[in-house]
Amino acid sequence: MANLKDIKNRIQSIESTKKITRAMKMVAAAKVKKSETAVKVSRPYTRELVAMFQKLLNSVTEYSRETLKIKYAIDDYPGLLEIREVKSVGLLVLTSNKGLAGAYNANVVRETLKKIKEYQAQNISVQLLIAGQKGISALRRKCKNLDVPIVKKYYSAVDTPNAMEAREIAEDMAELYVDKKIDKIEIVTTRFKNMMSYFTEGWQVLPVVGVVDIHDRITDNVLEPLMEFTPDRHHILQKIVPMYMTNIFYQALLEAQASELASRMTAMSAATTNAEKMIHDLSIEYNKVRQTAITQEIIEVVSGANSQIG
């Protein structure tokens, strides 16, 4: 049986851990509310943007570079809208920079590995672009034997999602697509549901196959091409395609951040509850050991007194 000092030290150690987990829970709870608001505010805009983008595509039958000024790959909308045989896929994987978020990072990594194996089974190569230190560390180890290169790494994007970070990712992906290093762009992210839950899923960005419904799924809604363009459809597409890509990546970053914070809050809440239970159980054990020690001392005193009398 453990002695009183050992039990007391364990109780103090768990008390210290409980203070940390409780503080992390409170921080995550404060941040997740703000992040949840950002996700919910952004969803209607993203939904309407991709719907308008789909309608625009249904109204244009041919693409042209002739009158366009193309400085960056993301400005080359004909190249980005080109549909070709898929021989290589670019996977953008969104994880976190910090741990202690429950199974959040493990779920994303598991989904990524599942997709890699599915593509490789079809003789399609995969290139990874990873946001978040946890995903970079885990997939660097796990992809060694899968012959899957990590071509880009992002760190700050998952901590502070913003349009600039999303634009940087969109430009990198566009360059790979236009240069024909990849033939498909997909995001492995998490969809925020509520404070207690989220789910992992993949979003196909290019080639465009339908409207990315932020609430449910990708739908192939065919809309009537009743649109007039000023100045012309090619210059409008050159503006809309980068907006579409950037906003999809931005929405994915927001969803991932909210999911991570919710997962961390839940994990730290569970850790705090477990710490309290352990402290309660150890306190009972401490009292039992202390009572046993006192009883033993009383017995020794009584036995000593009886021997003196005898």
C-alpha atoms as a PDB file:
ATOM      1  CA  MET A   1       0.000   0.000   0.000  1.00  0.00           C
ATOM      2  CA  ALA A   2       1.300   3.471  -0.879  1.00  0.00           C
ATOM      3  CA  ASN A   3       2.377   5.674   2.011  1.00  0.00           C
ATOM      4  CA  LEU A   4       0.730   8.977   2.899  1.00  0.00           C
ATOM      5  CA  LYS A   5       3.480  11.121   1.406  1.00  0.00           C
ATOM      6  CA  ASP A   6       3.264   9.412  -2.005  1.00  0.00           C
ATOM      7  CA  ILE A   7      -0.531   9.788  -2.134  1.00  0.00           C
ATOM      8  CA  LYS A   8      -0.331  13.429  -1.078  1.00  0.00           C
ATOM      9  CA  ASN A   9       2.261  14.141  -3.784  1.00  0.00           C
ATOM     10  CA  ARG A  10       0.027  12.517  -6.408  1.00  0.00           C
ATOM     11  CA  ILE A  11      -2.955  14.592  -5.304  1.00  0.00           C
ATOM     12  CA  GLN A  12      -0.913  17.795  -5.530  1.00  0.00           C
ATOM     13  CA  SER A  13       0.392  16.814  -8.968  1.00  0.00           C
ATOM     14  CA  ILE A  14      -3.101  16.111 -10.291  1.00  0.00           C
ATOM     15  CA  GLU A  15      -4.363  19.367  -8.759  1.00  0.00           C
ATOM     16  CA  SER A  16      -1.719  21.233 -10.756  1.00  0.00           C
ATOM     17  CA  THR A  17      -2.709  19.396 -13.936  1.00  0.00           C
ATOM     18  CA  LYS A  18      -6.380  20.155 -13.283  1.00  0.00           C
ATOM     19  CA  LYS A  19      -5.621  23.880 -13.060  1.00  0.00           C
ATOM     20  CA  ILE A  20      -3.896  23.716 -16.453  1.00  0.00           C
ATOM     21  CA  THR A  21      -6.674  21.739 -18.160  1.00  0.00           C
ATOM     22  CA  ARG A  22      -9.351  23.985 -16.674  1.00  0.00           C
ATOM     23  CA  ALA A  23      -7.516  27.104 -17.897  1.00  0.00           C
ATOM     24  CA  MET A  24      -7.106  25.569 -21.391  1.00  0.00           C
ATOM     25  CA  LYS A  25     -10.797  24.681 -21.434  1.00  0.00           C
ATOM     26  CA  MET A  26     -11.757  28.266 -20.570  1.00  0.00           C
ATOM     27  CA  VAL A  27      -9.432  29.709 -23.232  1.00  0.00           C
ATOM     28  CA  ALA A  28     -10.753  27.314 -25.889  1.00  0.00           C
ATOM     29  CA  ALA A  29     -14.362  28.074 -24.883  1.00  0.00           C
ATOM     30  CA  ALA A  30     -13.753  31.803 -25.259  1.00  0.00           C
ATOM     31  CA  LYS A  31     -12.075  31.376 -28.656  1.00  0.00           C
ATOM     32  CA  VAL A  32     -14.493  28.826 -30.079  1.00  0.00           C
ATOM     33  CA  LYS A  33     -17.451  31.172 -29.660  1.00  0.00           C
ATOM     34  CA  LYS A  34     -15.701  33.803 -31.755  1.00  0.00           C
ATOM     35  CA  SER A  35     -14.628  31.187 -34.284  1.00  0.00           C
ATOM     36  CA  GLU A  36     -18.145  29.736 -34.475  1.00  0.00           C
ATOM     37  CA  THR A  37     -19.516  33.201 -35.246  1.00  0.00           C
ATOM     38  CA  ALA A  38     -16.935  33.673 -38.008  1.00  0.00           C
ATOM     39  CA  VAL A  39     -17.884  30.328 -39.583  1.00  0.00           C
ATOM     40  CA  LYS A  40     -21.611  31.016 -39.510  1.00  0.00           C
ATOM     41  CA  VAL A  41     -21.209  34.538 -40.874  1.00  0.00           C
ATOM     42  CA  SER A  42     -18.958  33.329 -43.699  1.00  0.00           C
ATOM     43  CA  ARG A  43     -21.085  30.384 -44.840  1.00  0.00           C
ATOM     44  CA  PRO A  44     -23.883  32.351 -46.585  1.00  0.00           C
ATOM     45  CA  TYR A  45     -21.345  34.413 -48.546  1.00  0.00           C
ATOM     46  CA  THR A  46     -19.419  31.308 -49.598  1.00  0.00           C
ATOM     47  CA  ARG A  47     -22.615  29.523 -50.588  1.00  0.00           C
ATOM     48  CA  GLU A  48     -23.806  32.424 -52.725  1.00  0.00           C
ATOM     49  CA  LEU A  49     -20.382  32.956 -54.289  1.00  0.00           C
ATOM     50  CA  VAL A  50     -20.018  29.366 -55.427  1.00  0.00           C
ATOM     51  CA  ALA A  51     -23.624  29.342 -56.666  1.00  0.00           C
ATOM     52  CA  MET A  52     -22.941  32.463 -58.737  1.00  0.00           C
ATOM     53  CA  PHE A  53     -19.693  30.920 -59.966  1.00  0.00           C
ATOM     54  CA  GLN A  54     -21.526  27.801 -61.080  1.00  0.00           C
ATOM     55  CA  LYS A  55     -24.149  29.890 -62.860  1.00  0.00           C
ATOM     56  CA  LEU A  56     -21.418  31.833 -64.618  1.00  0.00           C
ATOM     57  CA  LEU A  57     -19.726  28.629 -65.788  1.00  0.00           C
ATOM     58  CA  ASN A  58     -23.016  27.355 -67.145  1.00  0.00           C
ATOM     59  CA  SER A  59     -23.279  30.561 -69.159  1.00  0.00           C
ATOM     60  CA  VAL A  60     -19.830  30.335 -70.773  1.00  0.00           C
ATOM     61  CA  THR A  61     -19.173  27.755 -73.436  1.00  0.00           C
ATOM     62  CA  GLU A  62     -15.566  28.601 -74.286  1.00  0.00           C
ATOM     63  CA  TYR A  63     -12.546  30.113 -72.546  1.00  0.00           C
ATOM     64  CA  SER A  64      -9.905  32.419 -74.009  1.00  0.00           C
ATOM     65  CA  ARG A  65      -6.588  33.974 -72.932  1.00  0.00           C
ATOM     66  CA  GLU A  66      -6.337  36.368 -75.885  1.00  0.00           C
ATOM     67  CA  THR A  67      -7.418  39.597 -74.190  1.00  0.00           C
ATOM     68  CA  LEU A  68      -6.190  38.744 -70.679  1.00  0.00           C
ATOM     69  CA  LYS A  69      -3.160  39.993 -68.790  1.00  0.00           C
ATOM     70  CA  ILE A  70      -1.832  36.997 -66.891  1.00  0.00           C
ATOM     71  CA  LYS A  71       0.789  37.710 -64.256  1.00  0.00           C
ATOM     72  CA  TYR A  72       0.248  34.801 -61.884  1.00  0.00           C
ATOM     73  CA  ALA A  73      -1.067  31.268 -62.326  1.00  0.00           C
ATOM     74  CA  ILE A  74      -4.227  32.122 -60.399  1.00  0.00           C
ATOM     75  CA  ASP A  75      -5.057  34.718 -63.104  1.00  0.00           C
ATOM     76  CA  ASP A  76      -4.967  32.035 -65.803  1.00  0.00           C
ATOM     77  CA  TYR A  77      -8.600  31.028 -65.523  1.00  0.00           C
ATOM     78  CA  PRO A  78      -8.638  28.890 -68.746  1.00  0.00           C
ATOM     79  CA  GLY A  79      -5.815  26.799 -67.292  1.00  0.00           C
ATOM     80  CA  LEU A  80      -7.601  26.476 -63.949  1.00  0.00           C
ATOM     81  CA  LEU A  81     -10.885  25.419 -65.538  1.00  0.00           C
ATOM     82  CA  GLU A  82      -9.247  22.846 -67.791  1.00  0.00           C
ATOM     83  CA  ILE A  83     -10.509  19.328 -67.176  1.00  0.00           C
ATOM     84  CA  ARG A  84      -8.042  16.561 -67.973  1.00  0.00           C
ATOM     85  CA  GLU A  85      -7.309  12.979 -67.038  1.00  0.00           C
ATOM     86  CA  VAL A  86      -6.430  12.794 -63.361  1.00  0.00           C
ATOM     87  CA  LYS A  87      -2.919  11.429 -62.947  1.00  0.00           C
ATOM     88  CA  SER A  88      -1.896  13.414 -59.881  1.00  0.00           C
ATOM     89  CA  VAL A  89      -3.907  14.945 -57.022  1.00  0.00           C
ATOM     90  CA  GLY A  90      -2.979  17.864 -54.795  1.00  0.00           C
ATOM     91  CA  LEU A  91      -4.319  17.358 -51.265  1.00  0.00           C
ATOM     92  CA  LEU A  92      -4.450  20.344 -48.932  1.00  0.00           C
ATOM     93  CA  VAL A  93      -4.548  18.948 -45.381  1.00  0.00           C
ATOM     94  CA  LEU A  94      -5.685  21.219 -42.548  1.00  0.00           C
ATOM     95  CA  THR A  95      -4.517  20.322 -39.030  1.00  0.00           C
ATOM     96  CA  SER A  96      -3.438  22.373 -35.992  1.00  0.00           C
ATOM     97  CA  ASN A  97      -0.129  23.654 -34.666  1.00  0.00           C
ATOM     98  CA  LYS A  98      -0.919  22.537 -31.105  1.00  0.00           C
ATOM     99  CA  GLY A  99      -1.899  19.253 -29.539  1.00  0.00           C
ATOM    100  CA  LEU A 100      -4.260  18.488 -26.642  1.00  0.00           C
ATOM    101  CA  ALA A 101      -7.231  18.739 -28.995  1.00  0.00           C
ATOM    102  CA  GLY A 102      -8.606  15.247 -28.539  1.00  0.00           C
ATOM    103  CA  ALA A 103      -8.757  13.152 -31.700  1.00  0.00           C
ATOM    104  CA  TYR A 104      -8.945  16.185 -34.007  1.00  0.00           C
ATOM    105  CA  ASN A 105      -5.522  15.845 -35.682  1.00  0.00           C
ATOM    106  CA  ALA A 106      -5.621  12.046 -35.656  1.00  0.00           C
ATOM    107  CA  ASN A 107      -8.960  12.075 -37.493  1.00  0.00           C
ATOM    108  CA  VAL A 108      -7.656  14.409 -40.214  1.00  0.00           C
ATOM    109  CA  VAL A 109      -4.464  12.381 -40.642  1.00  0.00           C
ATOM    110  CA  ARG A 110      -6.467   9.149 -40.806  1.00  0.00           C
ATOM    111  CA  GLU A 111      -8.754  10.589 -43.501  1.00  0.00           C
ATOM    112  CA  THR A 112      -5.726  11.814 -45.451  1.00  0.00           C
ATOM    113  CA  LEU A 113      -4.047   8.409 -45.383  1.00  0.00           C
ATOM    114  CA  LYS A 114      -7.315   6.796 -46.461  1.00  0.00           C
ATOM    115  CA  LYS A 115      -7.546   9.110 -49.481  1.00  0.00           C
ATOM    116  CA  ILE A 116      -3.886   8.563 -50.377  1.00  0.00           C
ATOM    117  CA  LYS A 117      -4.371   4.797 -50.434  1.00  0.00           C
ATOM    118  CA  GLU A 118      -7.572   5.112 -52.473  1.00  0.00           C
ATOM    119  CA  TYR A 119      -5.837   7.256 -55.099  1.00  0.00           C
ATOM    120  CA  GLN A 120      -2.760   5.047 -55.211  1.00  0.00           C
ATOM    121  CA  ALA A 121      -5.000   2.029 -55.748  1.00  0.00           C
ATOM    122  CA  GLN A 122      -6.163   3.822 -58.931  1.00  0.00           C
ATOM    123  CA  ASN A 123      -2.537   4.528 -59.962  1.00  0.00           C
ATOM    124  CA  ILE A 124      -2.977   8.228 -59.179  1.00  0.00           C
ATOM    125  CA  SER A 125      -0.079   9.966 -57.470  1.00  0.00           C
ATOM    126  CA  VAL A 126      -0.625  12.369 -54.559  1.00  0.00           C
ATOM    127  CA  GLN A 127       1.166  15.548 -53.523  1.00  0.00           C
ATOM    128  CA  LEU A 128       0.520  17.047 -50.097  1.00  0.00           C
ATOM    129  CA  LEU A 129       0.212  20.650 -49.015  1.00  0.00           C
ATOM    130  CA  ILE A 130      -0.133  20.664 -45.229  1.00  0.00           C
ATOM    131  CA  ALA A 131      -1.226  23.401 -42.856  1.00  0.00           C
ATOM    132  CA  GLY A 132      -0.405  22.854 -39.191  1.00  0.00           C
ATOM    133  CA  GLN A 133       2.620  21.476 -37.364  1.00  0.00           C
ATOM    134  CA  LYS A 134       0.787  18.385 -36.103  1.00  0.00           C
ATOM    135  CA  GLY A 135      -0.190  17.286 -39.583  1.00  0.00           C
ATOM    136  CA  ILE A 136       3.292  17.994 -40.941  1.00  0.00           C
ATOM    137  CA  SER A 137       4.940  15.910 -38.207  1.00  0.00           C
ATOM    138  CA  ALA A 138       2.507  13.002 -38.439  1.00  0.00           C
ATOM    139  CA  LEU A 139       2.336  12.761 -42.226  1.00  0.00           C
ATOM    140  CA  ARG A 140       6.083  13.209 -42.676  1.00  0.00           C
ATOM    141  CA  ARG A 141       6.523   9.964 -40.729  1.00  0.00           C
ATOM    142  CA  LYS A 142       3.578   8.069 -42.161  1.00  0.00           C
ATOM    143  CA  CYS A 143       4.144   9.012 -45.817  1.00  0.00           C
ATOM    144  CA  LYS A 144       7.796   7.942 -45.950  1.00  0.00           C
ATOM    145  CA  ASN A 145       6.900   4.517 -47.295  1.00  0.00           C
ATOM    146  CA  LEU A 146       3.996   5.740 -49.436  1.00  0.00           C
ATOM    147  CA  ASP A 147       6.113   7.823 -51.824  1.00  0.00           C
ATOM    148  CA  VAL A 148       3.999  10.924 -51.185  1.00  0.00           C
ATOM    149  CA  PRO A 149       5.914  14.232 -51.188  1.00  0.00           C
ATOM    150  CA  ILE A 150       5.026  17.225 -49.024  1.00  0.00           C
ATOM    151  CA  VAL A 151       5.434  20.103 -51.474  1.00  0.00           C
ATOM    152  CA  LYS A 152       4.210  22.989 -49.280  1.00  0.00           C
ATOM    153  CA  LYS A 153       3.926  23.660 -45.550  1.00  0.00           C
ATOM    154  CA  TYR A 154       1.876  26.349 -43.824  1.00  0.00           C
ATOM    155  CA  TYR A 155       1.954  27.265 -40.142  1.00  0.00           C
ATOM    156  CA  SER A 156       0.226  30.566 -39.360  1.00  0.00           C
ATOM    157  CA  ALA A 157      -2.784  29.934 -41.620  1.00  0.00           C
ATOM    158  CA  VAL A 158      -4.497  27.585 -39.157  1.00  0.00           C
ATOM    159  CA  ASP A 159      -3.978  29.838 -36.124  1.00  0.00           C
ATOM    160  CA  THR A 160      -5.240  33.062 -37.682  1.00  0.00           C
ATOM    161  CA  PRO A 161      -7.293  32.303 -40.806  1.00  0.00           C
ATOM    162  CA  ASN A 162      -7.559  35.320 -43.069  1.00  0.00           C
ATOM    163  CA  ALA A 163      -7.993  36.145 -46.739  1.00  0.00           C
ATOM    164  CA  MET A 164      -4.261  36.760 -47.258  1.00  0.00           C
ATOM    165  CA  GLU A 165      -3.321  33.288 -46.014  1.00  0.00           C
ATOM    166  CA  ALA A 166      -6.083  31.742 -48.110  1.00  0.00           C
ATOM    167  CA  ARG A 167      -4.900  33.672 -51.168  1.00  0.00           C
ATOM    168  CA  GLU A 168      -1.336  32.385 -50.665  1.00  0.00           C
ATOM    169  CA  ILE A 169      -2.585  28.802 -50.560  1.00  0.00           C
ATOM    170  CA  ALA A 170      -4.800  29.398 -53.601  1.00  0.00           C
ATOM    171  CA  GLU A 171      -1.857  30.802 -55.584  1.00  0.00           C
ATOM    172  CA  ASP A 172       0.333  27.811 -54.704  1.00  0.00           C
ATOM    173  CA  MET A 173      -2.385  25.361 -55.696  1.00  0.00           C
ATOM    174  CA  ALA A 174      -3.154  27.278 -58.893  1.00  0.00           C
ATOM    175  CA  GLU A 175       0.501  27.187 -59.923  1.00  0.00           C
ATOM    176  CA  LEU A 176       0.654  23.426 -59.468  1.00  0.00           C
ATOM    177  CA  TYR A 177      -2.581  22.979 -61.434  1.00  0.00           C
ATOM    178  CA  VAL A 178      -1.717  25.300 -64.331  1.00  0.00           C
ATOM    179  CA  ASP A 179       1.774  23.765 -64.605  1.00  0.00           C
ATOM    180  CA  LYS A 180       0.025  20.361 -64.841  1.00  0.00           C
ATOM    181  CA  LYS A 181       1.879  18.989 -61.840  1.00  0.00           C
ATOM    182  CA  ILE A 182      -1.525  18.090 -60.428  1.00  0.00           C
ATOM    183  CA  ASP A 183      -4.827  17.441 -62.197  1.00  0.00           C
ATOM    184  CA  LYS A 184      -7.159  17.746 -59.232  1.00  0.00           C
ATOM    185  CA  ILE A 185      -7.298  19.909 -56.087  1.00  0.00           C
ATOM    186  CA  GLU A 186      -8.937  18.602 -52.938  1.00  0.00           C
ATOM    187  CA  ILE A 187      -9.057  19.792 -49.329  1.00  0.00           C
ATOM    188  CA  VAL A 188      -9.076  17.436 -46.333  1.00  0.00           C
ATOM    189  CA  THR A 189     -10.691  19.466 -43.578  1.00  0.00           C
ATOM    190  CA  THR A 190     -13.275  19.275 -40.809  1.00  0.00           C
ATOM    191  CA  ARG A 191     -16.810  20.637 -40.985  1.00  0.00           C
ATOM    192  CA  PHE A 192     -17.819  22.420 -37.780  1.00  0.00           C
ATOM    193  CA  LYS A 193     -21.245  21.296 -36.574  1.00  0.00           C
ATOM    194  CA  ASN A 194     -21.581  22.638 -33.047  1.00  0.00           C
ATOM    195  CA  MET A 195     -19.617  23.068 -29.831  1.00  0.00           C
ATOM    196  CA  MET A 196     -19.633  19.327 -29.230  1.00  0.00           C
ATOM    197  CA  SER A 197     -19.108  17.856 -32.683  1.00  0.00           C
ATOM    198  CA  TYR A 198     -17.516  18.129 -36.114  1.00  0.00           C
ATOM    199  CA  PHE A 199     -16.787  15.693 -38.919  1.00  0.00           C
ATOM    200  CA  THR A 200     -13.916  15.129 -41.334  1.00  0.00           C
ATOM    201  CA  GLU A 201     -14.526  15.414 -45.054  1.00  0.00           C
ATOM    202  CA  GLY A 202     -12.965  16.201 -48.420  1.00  0.00           C
ATOM    203  CA  TRP A 203     -13.856  19.204 -50.601  1.00  0.00           C
ATOM    204  CA  GLN A 204     -13.076  19.067 -54.313  1.00  0.00           C
ATOM    205  CA  VAL A 205     -12.022  22.515 -55.541  1.00  0.00           C
ATOM    206  CA  LEU A 206     -10.833  21.803 -59.097  1.00  0.00           C
ATOM    207  CA  PRO A 207     -11.964  20.633 -61.544  1.00  0.00           C
ATOM    208  CA  VAL A 208     -15.328  22.188 -60.753  1.00  0.00           C
ATOM    209  CA  VAL A 209     -18.009  19.481 -60.541  1.00  0.00           C
ATOM    210  CA  GLY A 210     -20.814  21.347 -58.804  1.00  0.00           C
ATOM    211  CA  VAL A 211     -21.682  23.845 -56.127  1.00  0.00           C
ATOM    212  CA  VAL A 212     -19.918  23.296 -52.802  1.00  0.00           C
ATOM    213  CA  ASP A 213     -22.829  23.424 -50.379  1.00  0.00           C
ATOM    214  CA  ILE A 214     -21.382  24.570 -47.049  1.00  0.00           C
ATOM    215  CA  HIS A 215     -24.326  23.026 -45.207  1.00  0.00           C
ATOM    216  CA  ASP A 216     -24.721  19.672 -46.884  1.00  0.00           C
ATOM    217  CA  ARG A 217     -22.784  18.405 -49.885  1.00  0.00           C
ATOM    218  CA  ILE A 218     -21.700  19.090 -53.462  1.00  0.00           C
ATOM    219  CA  THR A 219     -24.744  19.378 -55.708  1.00  0.00           C
ATOM    220  CA  ASP A 220     -24.880  19.433 -59.494  1.00  0.00           C
ATOM    221  CA  ASN A 221     -27.493  22.135 -59.969  1.00  0.00           C
ATOM    222  CA  VAL A 222     -27.929  23.086 -63.613  1.00  0.00           C
ATOM    223  CA  LEU A 223     -28.998  26.715 -63.992  1.00  0.00           C
ATOM    224  CA  GLU A 224     -30.262  28.463 -67.089  1.00  0.00           C
ATOM    225  CA  PRO A 225     -27.550  30.551 -68.800  1.00  0.00           C
ATOM    226  CA  LEU A 226     -29.413  33.869 -68.735  1.00  0.00           C
ATOM    227  CA  MET A 227     -26.569  36.305 -68.091  1.00  0.00           C
ATOM    228  CA  GLU A 228     -25.166  39.396 -69.762  1.00  0.00           C
ATOM    229  CA  PHE A 229     -21.557  40.411 -69.193  1.00  0.00           C
ATOM    230  CA  THR A 230     -19.861  43.788 -68.892  1.00  0.00           C
ATOM    231  CA  PRO A 231     -17.072  44.246 -69.898  1.00  0.00           C
ATOM    232  CA  ASP A 232     -16.915  40.616 -71.101  1.00  0.00           C
ATOM    233  CA  ARG A 233     -17.198  37.113 -69.687  1.00  0.00           C
ATOM    234  CA  HIS A 234     -13.465  36.363 -69.939  1.00  0.00           C
ATOM    235  CA  HIS A 235     -12.383  39.286 -67.733  1.00  0.00           C
ATOM    236  CA  ILE A 236     -15.164  38.485 -65.274  1.00  0.00           C
ATOM    237  CA  LEU A 237     -14.103  34.847 -65.076  1.00  0.00           C
ATOM    238  CA  GLN A 238     -10.519  35.964 -64.521  1.00  0.00           C
ATOM    239  CA  LYS A 239     -11.732  37.802 -61.399  1.00  0.00           C
ATOM    240  CA  ILE A 240     -14.258  35.237 -60.216  1.00  0.00           C
ATOM    241  CA  VAL A 241     -12.083  32.102 -60.409  1.00  0.00           C
ATOM    242  CA  PRO A 242      -9.450  33.440 -57.932  1.00  0.00           C
ATOM    243  CA  MET A 243     -12.283  34.673 -55.687  1.00  0.00           C
ATOM    244  CA  TYR A 244     -13.872  31.226 -55.790  1.00  0.00           C
ATOM    245  CA  MET A 245     -10.635  29.399 -54.945  1.00  0.00           C
ATOM    246  CA  THR A 246      -9.554  31.852 -52.245  1.00  0.00           C
ATOM    247  CA  ASN A 247     -12.935  31.825 -50.543  1.00  0.00           C
ATOM    248  CA  ILE A 248     -13.191  28.039 -50.534  1.00  0.00           C
ATOM    249  CA  PHE A 249      -9.764  27.792 -48.872  1.00  0.00           C
ATOM    250  CA  TYR A 250     -10.689  30.554 -46.420  1.00  0.00           C
ATOM    251  CA  GLN A 251     -13.944  28.800 -45.507  1.00  0.00           C
ATOM    252  CA  ALA A 252     -12.065  25.538 -45.010  1.00  0.00           C
ATOM    253  CA  LEU A 253      -9.591  27.276 -42.675  1.00  0.00           C
ATOM    254  CA  LEU A 254     -12.435  28.772 -40.632  1.00  0.00           C
ATOM    255  CA  GLU A 255     -14.212  25.418 -40.374  1.00  0.00           C
ATOM    256  CA  ALA A 256     -10.976  23.708 -39.327  1.00  0.00           C
ATOM    257  CA  GLN A 257     -10.148  26.290 -36.661  1.00  0.00           C
ATOM    258  CA  ALA A 258     -13.635  26.132 -35.128  1.00  0.00           C
ATOM    259  CA  SER A 259     -13.521  22.321 -35.126  1.00  0.00           C
ATOM    260  CA  GLU A 260     -10.095  22.292 -33.495  1.00  0.00           C
ATOM    261  CA  LEU A 261     -11.128  24.688 -30.722  1.00  0.00           C
ATOM    262  CA  ALA A 262     -14.343  22.769 -30.082  1.00  0.00           C
ATOM    263  CA  SER A 263     -12.378  19.519 -29.904  1.00  0.00           C
ATOM    264  CA  ARG A 264      -9.848  21.085 -27.530  1.00  0.00           C
ATOM    265  CA  MET A 265     -12.579  22.468 -25.289  1.00  0.00           C
ATOM    266  CA  THR A 266     -14.265  19.060 -25.106  1.00  0.00           C
ATOM    267  CA  ALA A 267     -10.957  17.254 -24.465  1.00  0.00           C
ATOM    268  CA  MET A 268      -9.900  19.672 -21.718  1.00  0.00           C
ATOM    269  CA  SER A 269     -13.345  19.473 -20.124  1.00  0.00           C
ATOM    270  CA  ALA A 270     -13.070  15.673 -20.027  1.00  0.00           C
ATOM    271  CA  ALA A 271      -9.508  15.908 -18.665  1.00  0.00           C
ATOM    272  CA  THR A 272     -10.637  18.262 -15.900  1.00  0.00           C
ATOM    273  CA  THR A 273     -13.500  15.937 -14.954  1.00  0.00           C
ATOM    274  CA  ASN A 274     -11.131  12.934 -14.888  1.00  0.00           C
ATOM    275  CA  ALA A 275      -8.668  14.861 -12.727  1.00  0.00           C
ATOM    276  CA  GLU A 276     -11.420  15.676 -10.240  1.00  0.00           C
ATOM    277  CA  LYS A 277     -12.444  12.009 -10.113  1.00  0.00           C
ATOM    278  CA  MET A 278      -8.837  10.916  -9.548  1.00  0.00           C
ATOM    279  CA  ILE A 279      -8.416  13.469  -6.765  1.00  0.00           C
ATOM    280  CA  HIS A 280     -11.622  12.225  -5.136  1.00  0.00           C
ATOM    281  CA  ASP A 281     -10.488   8.578  -5.321  1.00  0.00           C
ATOM    282  CA  LEU A 282      -7.005   9.429  -4.034  1.00  0.00           C
ATOM    283  CA  SER A 283      -8.477  11.456  -1.187  1.00  0.00           C
ATOM    284  CA  ILE A 284     -10.502   8.414  -0.109  1.00  0.00           C
ATOM    285  CA  GLU A 285      -7.395   6.241  -0.355  1.00  0.00           C
ATOM    286  CA  TYR A 286      -5.407   8.829   1.613  1.00  0.00           C
ATOM    287  CA  ASN A 287      -8.011   8.835   4.403  1.00  0.00           C
ATOM    288  CA  LYS A 288      -8.061   5.031   4.514  1.00  0.00           C
ATOM    289  CA  VAL A 289      -4.259   4.829   4.743  1.00  0.00           C
ATOM    290  CA  ARG A 290      -4.232   7.563   7.375  1.00  0.00           C
ATOM    291  CA  GLN A 291      -6.953   5.789   9.379  1.00  0.00           C
ATOM    292  CA  THR A 292      -5.061   2.502   9.137  1.00  0.00           C
ATOM    293  CA  ALA A 293      -1.865   4.197  10.321  1.00  0.00           C
ATOM    294  CA  ILE A 294      -3.666   5.800  13.303  1.00  0.00           C
ATOM    295  CA  THR A 295      -5.339   2.506  14.209  1.00  0.00           C
ATOM    296  CA  GLN A 296      -1.962   0.747  14.037  1.00  0.00           C
ATOM    297  CA  GLU A 297      -0.431   3.357  16.344  1.00  0.00           C
ATOM    298  CA  ILE A 298      -3.284   2.982  18.837  1.00  0.00           C
ATOM    299  CA  ILE A 299      -2.864  -0.795  18.812  1.00  0.00           C
ATOM    300  CA  GLU A 300       0.868  -0.423  19.433  1.00  0.00           C
ATOM    301  CA  VAL A 301       0.263   1.998  22.314  1.00  0.00           C
ATOM    302  CA  VAL A 302      -2.350  -0.283  23.880  1.00  0.00           C
ATOM    303  CA  SER A 303      -0.133  -3.333  23.410  1.00  0.00           C
ATOM    304  CA  GLY A 304       2.775  -1.507  25.021  1.00  0.00           C
ATOM    305  CA  ALA A 305       0.622  -0.434  27.946  1.00  0.00           C
ATOM    306  CA  ASN A 306      -0.695  -3.969  28.457  1.00  0.00           C
ATOM    307  CA  SER A 307       2.800  -5.369  28.459  1.00  0.00           C
ATOM    308  CA  GLN A 308       3.804  -2.870  31.180  1.00  0.00           C
ATOM    309  CA  ILE A 309       0.810  -3.797  33.296  1.00  0.00           C
ATOM    310  CA  GLY A 310       1.439  -7.501  32.793  1.00  0.00           C
END
